[in-house]
């Protein structure tokens, strides 16, 4: 199982969506109505990108323990399960 760092940006002002960005999985960006929804959406985005990369014979990005997002409200690790080179759902 791989764990990717996800930055969450909580709503401010008239913006009512929580934005989620995988810091060490390029292209994985999503949003949700609240933090729980954003967590589900970004996990799904990472899983789908992982499947696409593996289907193309490309490696998954390596999680980077040194990533940072100083303007993020919260950073969490999100797991991606891969079994035999294919992500599990």
C-alpha atoms as a PDB file:
ATOM      1  CA  UNK A   1       0.000   0.000   0.000  1.00  0.00           C
ATOM      2  CA  UNK A   2       1.264   3.475  -0.882  1.00  0.00           C
ATOM      3  CA  UNK A   3       0.377   6.629   1.028  1.00  0.00           C
ATOM      4  CA  UNK A   4       0.206   9.977  -0.740  1.00  0.00           C
ATOM      5  CA  UNK A   5       0.179  13.389   0.920  1.00  0.00           C
ATOM      6  CA  UNK A   6      -2.995  15.372   0.306  1.00  0.00           C
ATOM      7  CA  UNK A   7      -3.382  19.056   1.104  1.00  0.00           C
ATOM      8  CA  UNK A   8      -6.865  20.290   1.980  1.00  0.00           C
ATOM      9  CA  UNK A   9      -7.894  23.903   1.577  1.00  0.00           C
ATOM     10  CA  UNK A  10     -10.976  24.791   3.595  1.00  0.00           C
ATOM     11  CA  UNK A  11     -13.627  27.238   2.336  1.00  0.00           C
ATOM     12  CA  UNK A  12     -13.121  30.947   2.826  1.00  0.00           C
ATOM     13  CA  UNK A  13     -15.533  33.742   2.033  1.00  0.00           C
ATOM     14  CA  UNK A  14     -18.018  32.884  -0.690  1.00  0.00           C
ATOM     15  CA  UNK A  15     -16.118  29.701  -1.676  1.00  0.00           C
ATOM     16  CA  UNK A  16     -18.068  26.800  -0.176  1.00  0.00           C
ATOM     17  CA  UNK A  17     -16.039  23.842  -1.442  1.00  0.00           C
ATOM     18  CA  UNK A  18     -13.106  22.061   0.195  1.00  0.00           C
ATOM     19  CA  UNK A  19     -10.286  21.692  -2.337  1.00  0.00           C
ATOM     20  CA  UNK A  20      -7.979  18.654  -2.140  1.00  0.00           C
ATOM     21  CA  UNK A  21      -4.654  18.317  -3.938  1.00  0.00           C
ATOM     22  CA  UNK A  22      -2.367  15.289  -3.864  1.00  0.00           C
ATOM     23  CA  UNK A  23       1.039  16.863  -3.338  1.00  0.00           C
ATOM     24  CA  UNK A  24       3.071  13.882  -4.493  1.00  0.00           C
ATOM     25  CA  UNK A  25       0.731  12.472  -7.163  1.00  0.00           C
ATOM     26  CA  UNK A  26       0.753  14.936 -10.081  1.00  0.00           C
ATOM     27  CA  UNK A  27      -2.648  15.643 -11.580  1.00  0.00           C
ATOM     28  CA  UNK A  28      -4.705  14.458  -8.602  1.00  0.00           C
ATOM     29  CA  UNK A  29      -6.930  17.372  -7.665  1.00  0.00           C
ATOM     30  CA  UNK A  30     -10.524  17.339  -6.491  1.00  0.00           C
ATOM     31  CA  UNK A  31     -13.051  19.071  -4.271  1.00  0.00           C
ATOM     32  CA  UNK A  32     -15.957  18.263  -2.033  1.00  0.00           C
ATOM     33  CA  UNK A  33     -18.840  19.898  -0.209  1.00  0.00           C
ATOM     34  CA  UNK A  34     -17.126  19.239   3.134  1.00  0.00           C
ATOM     35  CA  UNK A  35     -13.911  17.636   4.388  1.00  0.00           C
ATOM     36  CA  UNK A  36     -15.354  14.101   4.410  1.00  0.00           C
ATOM     37  CA  UNK A  37     -16.604  14.491   0.837  1.00  0.00           C
ATOM     38  CA  UNK A  38     -13.274  15.957  -0.300  1.00  0.00           C
ATOM     39  CA  UNK A  39     -11.449  12.983   1.255  1.00  0.00           C
ATOM     40  CA  UNK A  40     -13.600  10.537  -0.721  1.00  0.00           C
ATOM     41  CA  UNK A  41     -13.261  12.501  -3.946  1.00  0.00           C
ATOM     42  CA  UNK A  42      -9.459  12.830  -3.809  1.00  0.00           C
ATOM     43  CA  UNK A  43      -9.048   9.147  -2.908  1.00  0.00           C
ATOM     44  CA  UNK A  44     -11.136   8.282  -5.968  1.00  0.00           C
ATOM     45  CA  UNK A  45      -9.114  10.655  -8.170  1.00  0.00           C
ATOM     46  CA  UNK A  46      -5.808   9.141  -7.020  1.00  0.00           C
ATOM     47  CA  UNK A  47      -7.125   5.602  -7.547  1.00  0.00           C
ATOM     48  CA  UNK A  48      -8.338   6.379 -11.071  1.00  0.00           C
ATOM     49  CA  UNK A  49      -5.075   8.087 -12.027  1.00  0.00           C
ATOM     50  CA  UNK A  50      -3.118   5.145 -10.614  1.00  0.00           C
ATOM     51  CA  UNK A  51      -5.176   2.717 -12.698  1.00  0.00           C
ATOM     52  CA  UNK A  52      -4.621   4.786 -15.843  1.00  0.00           C
ATOM     53  CA  UNK A  53      -0.862   4.952 -15.279  1.00  0.00           C
ATOM     54  CA  UNK A  54      -0.584   1.219 -14.662  1.00  0.00           C
ATOM     55  CA  UNK A  55      -2.729   0.372 -17.690  1.00  0.00           C
ATOM     56  CA  UNK A  56      -0.298   2.447 -19.783  1.00  0.00           C
ATOM     57  CA  UNK A  57       2.622   0.535 -18.283  1.00  0.00           C
ATOM     58  CA  UNK A  58       3.872   3.582 -16.411  1.00  0.00           C
ATOM     59  CA  UNK A  59       5.045   3.528 -12.793  1.00  0.00           C
ATOM     60  CA  UNK A  60       3.170   5.214  -9.999  1.00  0.00           C
ATOM     61  CA  UNK A  61       4.766   8.333  -8.545  1.00  0.00           C
ATOM     62  CA  UNK A  62       6.751   7.679  -5.396  1.00  0.00           C
ATOM     63  CA  UNK A  63       5.344   9.280  -2.250  1.00  0.00           C
ATOM     64  CA  UNK A  64       7.615  12.109  -1.141  1.00  0.00           C
ATOM     65  CA  UNK A  65       7.909  12.553   2.645  1.00  0.00           C
ATOM     66  CA  UNK A  66       9.412  16.014   2.109  1.00  0.00           C
ATOM     67  CA  UNK A  67       6.459  17.623   0.271  1.00  0.00           C
ATOM     68  CA  UNK A  68       4.860  20.649   1.838  1.00  0.00           C
ATOM     69  CA  UNK A  69       2.043  23.068   1.234  1.00  0.00           C
ATOM     70  CA  UNK A  70       2.452  26.037   3.570  1.00  0.00           C
ATOM     71  CA  UNK A  71      -0.930  27.505   2.617  1.00  0.00           C
ATOM     72  CA  UNK A  72      -2.872  24.253   3.204  1.00  0.00           C
ATOM     73  CA  UNK A  73      -5.241  24.046   6.149  1.00  0.00           C
ATOM     74  CA  UNK A  74      -4.597  20.341   6.626  1.00  0.00           C
ATOM     75  CA  UNK A  75      -2.312  17.675   5.156  1.00  0.00           C
ATOM     76  CA  UNK A  76      -3.200  13.989   5.460  1.00  0.00           C
ATOM     77  CA  UNK A  77      -1.920  10.702   4.053  1.00  0.00           C
ATOM     78  CA  UNK A  78      -4.297   8.926   1.671  1.00  0.00           C
ATOM     79  CA  UNK A  79      -3.723   5.219   0.961  1.00  0.00           C
ATOM     80  CA  UNK A  80      -3.705   3.599  -2.471  1.00  0.00           C
ATOM     81  CA  UNK A  81      -3.761  -0.196  -2.564  1.00  0.00           C
ATOM     82  CA  UNK A  82      -1.996  -1.890  -5.427  1.00  0.00           C
ATOM     83  CA  UNK A  83      -2.089  -5.624  -5.877  1.00  0.00           C
ATOM     84  CA  UNK A  84      -0.017  -7.260  -8.566  1.00  0.00           C
ATOM     85  CA  UNK A  85       0.558  -3.889 -10.236  1.00  0.00           C
ATOM     86  CA  UNK A  86      -3.138  -2.987 -10.383  1.00  0.00           C
ATOM     87  CA  UNK A  87      -4.866  -0.765  -7.782  1.00  0.00           C
ATOM     88  CA  UNK A  88      -7.567  -2.454  -5.717  1.00  0.00           C
ATOM     89  CA  UNK A  89     -10.979  -0.853  -5.326  1.00  0.00           C
END
